Amino acid sequence: MKRTKHFFGFLLAFLAIAFFTSMVGACPDCAAEGKIGAIVVDMQGDFTKMKDGSLAVAGTDEAFVKKVEDATKLLASHGFVIFGTQDWHPAEHVSFYINHEGKKPFELIEVNGKPQVLWPPHCVQGTENARILVDNNLFMAVVKKGKDPRYDSYSGFQDDGGAKTEMDKILKRNGIQKVVVYGIATDYCVKATAIDAKNAGFKVIVVEDLCKGVAPDTSKKAYKEMADAGVKVIKTLDLKEIRDF
């Protein structure tokens, strides 16, 4: 009887070690230093030329969208945990110029003591061009932002009124310690999400050629601001550089 107990004890221990080894082997990035996540920012129809979006960013054609999706699939295949952000505005959102009488797109006004860029209506809840274009099956979770009509929300972590999204809790719940951030737009939502991720205690890498910005000058400034905040900016997707950071 004792031999049987010892045998089963040995077998359970062996199986536990084998399971752990297989998990680490399948995901070399998920070992002692914690898992690596990716945050795919606002890859939605209204921000792309591919879908003739109302706020389409230059260079966001079908080739770019495919490039982002392929990169996301590659990261997922290497054990990275994929997350996303999604603008999800009510029709009466404060950032829409049509909700301010006599105003035009891209005017800068003041709302609640803060500067507010006025945008064409975009990513309205339940509309076709609010949908995420990257394969939704890749995502562990997608955080919707900009739901409060009173505040804009460039960051995936909080809106301009300071209300937190679920992003920080979701990342930490999944054991994420490092995140790769990319998407649209470099000078707004990518920048805000990356800097807030850094401020929340994560190591952050932004991949430049998986991002597109509204304007060259503001994008250049955004990369400097991210670097100054401690975000690592890399030109192209490099798994080794990401792991070593």
Protein backbone atom coordinates (compact mmCIF):
# COMPACT_ATOMS: atom_id res chain seq x y z
CA MET A 1 0.00 0.00 0.00
CA LYS A 2 2.85 2.37 0.91
CA ARG A 3 4.56 1.59 -2.39
CA THR A 4 1.34 2.45 -4.24
CA LYS A 5 1.03 5.79 -2.41
CA HIS A 6 4.67 6.61 -3.13
CA PHE A 7 4.20 5.72 -6.77
CA PHE A 8 1.14 7.93 -7.16
CA GLY A 9 2.88 10.75 -5.29
CA PHE A 10 5.85 10.50 -7.62
CA LEU A 11 3.55 10.35 -10.66
CA LEU A 12 1.64 13.50 -9.63
CA ALA A 13 4.87 15.39 -8.99
CA PHE A 14 6.25 14.29 -12.35
CA LEU A 15 3.08 15.36 -14.16
CA ALA A 16 3.09 18.76 -12.42
CA ILE A 17 6.72 19.39 -13.43
CA ALA A 18 6.02 18.24 -16.99
CA PHE A 19 3.00 20.54 -17.23
CA PHE A 20 4.92 23.56 -15.94
CA THR A 21 7.85 22.83 -18.26
CA SER A 22 5.56 22.53 -21.26
CA MET A 23 3.85 25.82 -20.44
CA VAL A 24 7.14 27.70 -20.13
CA GLY A 25 8.46 25.99 -23.24
CA ALA A 26 5.38 27.03 -25.19
CA CYS A 27 5.76 30.58 -23.99
CA PRO A 28 9.42 31.45 -23.29
CA ASP A 29 8.37 35.04 -22.62
CA CYS A 30 6.07 33.94 -19.78
CA ALA A 31 8.76 32.68 -17.41
CA ALA A 32 10.17 34.23 -14.28
CA GLU A 33 9.90 37.85 -15.40
CA GLY A 34 6.15 37.58 -16.06
CA LYS A 35 4.13 37.52 -19.24
CA ILE A 36 4.42 39.99 -22.07
CA GLY A 37 1.24 41.53 -23.44
CA ALA A 38 0.41 43.52 -26.55
CA ILE A 39 -2.08 46.38 -26.65
CA VAL A 40 -3.48 46.94 -30.14
CA VAL A 41 -4.79 50.49 -30.11
CA ASP A 42 -7.99 51.55 -31.91
CA MET A 43 -7.65 49.52 -35.11
CA GLN A 44 -11.16 50.55 -36.14
CA GLY A 45 -12.77 51.35 -39.47
CA ASP A 46 -13.35 55.04 -38.83
CA PHE A 47 -9.60 55.59 -38.38
CA THR A 48 -8.60 53.87 -41.63
CA LYS A 49 -8.42 54.70 -45.31
CA MET A 50 -9.25 51.05 -45.92
CA LYS A 51 -12.80 51.66 -44.69
CA ASP A 52 -13.09 55.30 -45.83
CA GLY A 53 -13.36 56.27 -42.20
CA SER A 54 -14.66 59.62 -41.05
CA LEU A 55 -11.35 60.25 -39.25
CA ALA A 56 -9.05 58.18 -41.48
CA VAL A 57 -5.34 58.52 -40.74
CA ALA A 58 -2.87 58.68 -43.64
CA GLY A 59 -1.28 55.36 -44.54
CA THR A 60 -3.99 53.19 -43.01
CA ASP A 61 -4.79 51.25 -46.15
CA GLU A 62 -5.54 47.54 -46.43
CA ALA A 63 -1.81 46.70 -46.50
CA PHE A 64 -1.24 48.46 -43.17
CA VAL A 65 -4.22 46.78 -41.52
CA LYS A 66 -2.98 43.39 -42.74
CA LYS A 67 0.53 44.17 -41.48
CA VAL A 68 -0.85 44.92 -38.02
CA GLU A 69 -2.98 41.78 -38.00
CA ASP A 70 -0.05 39.61 -39.14
CA ALA A 71 2.19 41.11 -36.45
CA THR A 72 -0.48 40.46 -33.83
CA LYS A 73 -0.82 36.83 -34.97
CA LEU A 74 2.96 36.45 -34.74
CA LEU A 75 3.03 37.79 -31.20
CA ALA A 76 0.15 35.52 -30.19
CA SER A 77 1.96 32.52 -31.65
CA HIS A 78 4.94 33.34 -29.41
CA GLY A 79 2.81 33.39 -26.27
CA PHE A 80 2.15 37.12 -25.99
CA VAL A 81 -1.26 37.89 -24.51
CA ILE A 82 -3.20 40.20 -26.82
CA PHE A 83 -5.38 43.06 -25.61
CA GLY A 84 -7.07 45.87 -27.49
CA THR A 85 -8.62 49.29 -27.08
CA GLN A 86 -11.75 50.44 -28.86
CA ASP A 87 -13.20 53.93 -29.13
CA TRP A 88 -16.88 53.52 -28.27
CA HIS A 89 -18.54 56.92 -28.31
CA PRO A 90 -22.17 57.88 -27.79
CA ALA A 91 -23.61 60.07 -30.57
CA GLU A 92 -23.68 63.09 -28.23
CA HIS A 93 -19.97 62.86 -27.38
CA VAL A 94 -18.22 66.10 -26.40
CA SER A 95 -15.45 65.64 -28.98
CA PHE A 96 -17.80 65.71 -32.00
CA TYR A 97 -17.86 69.10 -33.69
CA ILE A 98 -21.53 68.66 -34.65
CA ASN A 99 -22.39 68.86 -30.95
CA HIS A 100 -21.01 72.42 -30.75
CA GLU A 101 -23.02 74.97 -32.70
CA GLY A 102 -21.04 76.88 -35.30
CA LYS A 103 -17.87 74.84 -34.84
CA LYS A 104 -15.86 73.02 -37.49
CA PRO A 105 -13.80 69.82 -37.49
CA PHE A 106 -10.35 70.10 -35.89
CA GLU A 107 -11.06 73.36 -34.10
CA LEU A 108 -9.58 73.63 -30.62
CA ILE A 109 -11.94 74.73 -27.87
CA GLU A 110 -11.92 74.61 -24.08
CA VAL A 111 -14.13 72.16 -22.19
CA ASN A 112 -14.12 71.97 -18.39
CA GLY A 113 -10.97 74.08 -18.34
CA LYS A 114 -9.08 71.74 -20.69
CA PRO A 115 -8.25 72.02 -24.40
CA GLN A 116 -10.48 69.86 -26.60
CA VAL A 117 -9.91 69.09 -30.27
CA LEU A 118 -13.20 68.79 -32.13
CA TRP A 119 -13.37 65.72 -34.36
CA PRO A 120 -15.80 64.50 -36.99
CA PRO A 121 -18.20 61.95 -35.46
CA HIS A 122 -16.36 58.62 -35.32
CA CYS A 123 -16.57 55.17 -33.75
CA VAL A 124 -20.15 55.71 -32.65
CA GLN A 125 -21.44 52.86 -30.54
CA GLY A 126 -22.99 50.08 -32.61
CA THR A 127 -21.93 51.40 -36.02
CA GLU A 128 -20.05 49.40 -38.66
CA ASN A 129 -16.92 51.55 -38.60
CA ALA A 130 -16.59 51.26 -34.82
CA ARG A 131 -15.70 47.58 -35.30
CA ILE A 132 -12.13 46.38 -34.75
CA LEU A 133 -10.53 45.26 -38.03
CA VAL A 134 -7.97 42.87 -36.52
CA ASP A 135 -9.20 39.28 -36.00
CA ASN A 136 -11.21 39.52 -32.78
CA ASN A 137 -10.35 35.93 -31.84
CA LEU A 138 -6.80 37.04 -31.10
CA PHE A 139 -7.83 39.18 -28.12
CA MET A 140 -7.90 38.11 -24.50
CA ALA A 141 -9.88 41.30 -23.82
CA VAL A 142 -10.84 44.59 -25.49
CA VAL A 143 -11.28 47.72 -23.39
CA LYS A 144 -13.90 50.16 -24.68
CA LYS A 145 -13.12 53.81 -24.04
CA GLY A 146 -14.73 57.20 -24.58
CA LYS A 147 -18.12 55.95 -23.41
CA ASP A 148 -18.77 58.96 -21.17
CA PRO A 149 -20.22 61.74 -23.38
CA ARG A 150 -18.59 64.41 -21.20
CA TYR A 151 -14.95 63.38 -21.68
CA ASP A 152 -12.57 62.42 -24.44
CA SER A 153 -10.47 59.33 -23.86
CA TYR A 154 -7.27 58.87 -25.82
CA SER A 155 -5.72 56.51 -23.30
CA GLY A 156 -6.75 52.89 -22.85
CA PHE A 157 -6.22 53.37 -19.09
CA GLN A 158 -8.34 56.43 -18.27
CA ASP A 159 -10.45 59.20 -19.76
CA ASP A 160 -9.78 62.93 -19.59
CA GLY A 161 -11.97 63.16 -16.50
CA GLY A 162 -9.69 60.73 -14.66
CA ALA A 163 -12.08 57.77 -14.66
CA LYS A 164 -10.09 54.54 -14.91
CA THR A 165 -10.86 51.81 -17.43
CA GLU A 166 -10.42 48.10 -16.68
CA MET A 167 -7.08 47.95 -18.52
CA ASP A 168 -4.69 48.11 -15.55
CA LYS A 169 -6.61 45.46 -13.59
CA ILE A 170 -6.94 43.17 -16.62
CA LEU A 171 -3.21 43.31 -17.37
CA LYS A 172 -2.23 42.64 -13.78
CA ARG A 173 -4.81 39.88 -13.41
CA ASN A 174 -3.14 38.15 -16.36
CA GLY A 175 0.36 38.50 -14.89
CA ILE A 176 1.51 41.03 -17.50
CA GLN A 177 4.64 43.01 -16.62
CA LYS A 178 5.67 44.26 -20.06
CA VAL A 179 3.50 45.51 -22.94
CA VAL A 180 4.06 46.13 -26.63
CA VAL A 181 1.85 48.99 -27.85
CA TYR A 182 0.93 49.85 -31.46
CA GLY A 183 -1.96 50.98 -33.64
CA ILE A 184 -3.73 54.27 -34.40
CA ALA A 185 -3.00 57.09 -33.89
CA THR A 186 0.62 57.60 -32.84
CA ASP A 187 0.17 61.18 -31.67
CA TYR A 188 -3.04 60.61 -29.70
CA CYS A 189 -4.24 57.22 -28.48
CA VAL A 190 -0.99 55.28 -28.90
CA LYS A 191 0.98 57.95 -27.06
CA ALA A 192 -1.55 58.31 -24.23
CA THR A 193 -1.91 54.55 -23.78
CA ALA A 194 1.85 53.92 -23.80
CA ILE A 195 2.63 56.69 -21.30
CA ASP A 196 -0.20 55.63 -18.97
CA ALA A 197 1.01 52.02 -19.16
CA LYS A 198 4.47 53.20 -18.13
CA ASN A 199 3.01 55.28 -15.29
CA ALA A 200 1.07 52.21 -14.12
CA GLY A 201 4.34 50.32 -13.64
CA PHE A 202 4.66 48.32 -16.85
CA LYS A 203 7.67 48.14 -19.12
CA VAL A 204 6.48 49.55 -22.44
CA ILE A 205 7.68 49.14 -26.02
CA VAL A 206 6.10 50.98 -28.97
CA VAL A 207 6.67 49.61 -32.48
CA GLU A 208 6.98 52.53 -34.88
CA ASP A 209 6.15 50.81 -38.17
CA LEU A 210 2.97 49.32 -36.68
CA CYS A 211 1.67 52.82 -35.90
CA LYS A 212 0.24 55.64 -38.00
CA GLY A 213 -0.15 59.24 -36.86
CA VAL A 214 -2.48 62.11 -37.66
CA ALA A 215 0.38 64.44 -38.63
CA PRO A 216 4.18 64.04 -39.04
CA ASP A 217 5.09 66.88 -36.67
CA THR A 218 2.82 65.77 -33.83
CA SER A 219 3.88 62.14 -34.35
CA LYS A 220 7.56 63.10 -34.07
CA LYS A 221 6.78 65.03 -30.91
CA ALA A 222 4.80 62.06 -29.56
CA TYR A 223 7.72 59.67 -29.98
CA LYS A 224 9.96 62.09 -28.07
CA GLU A 225 7.38 62.44 -25.29
CA MET A 226 7.08 58.66 -25.02
CA ALA A 227 10.86 58.19 -24.93
CA ASP A 228 11.19 60.94 -22.30
CA ALA A 229 8.58 59.09 -20.19
CA GLY A 230 10.65 55.89 -20.29
CA VAL A 231 8.87 54.13 -23.14
CA LYS A 232 11.18 52.21 -25.50
CA VAL A 233 10.46 53.01 -29.16
CA ILE A 234 11.67 50.50 -31.75
CA LYS A 235 11.45 50.85 -35.52
CA THR A 236 10.23 47.36 -36.39
CA LEU A 237 8.85 44.33 -34.58
CA ASP A 238 11.86 42.53 -33.07
CA LEU A 239 11.03 39.72 -30.66
CA LYS A 240 14.57 39.53 -29.26
CA GLU A 241 14.71 43.27 -28.59
CA ILE A 242 11.32 43.08 -26.87
CA ARG A 243 12.37 40.11 -24.70
CA ASP A 244 15.69 41.72 -23.76
CA PHE A 245 14.16 45.05 -22.70
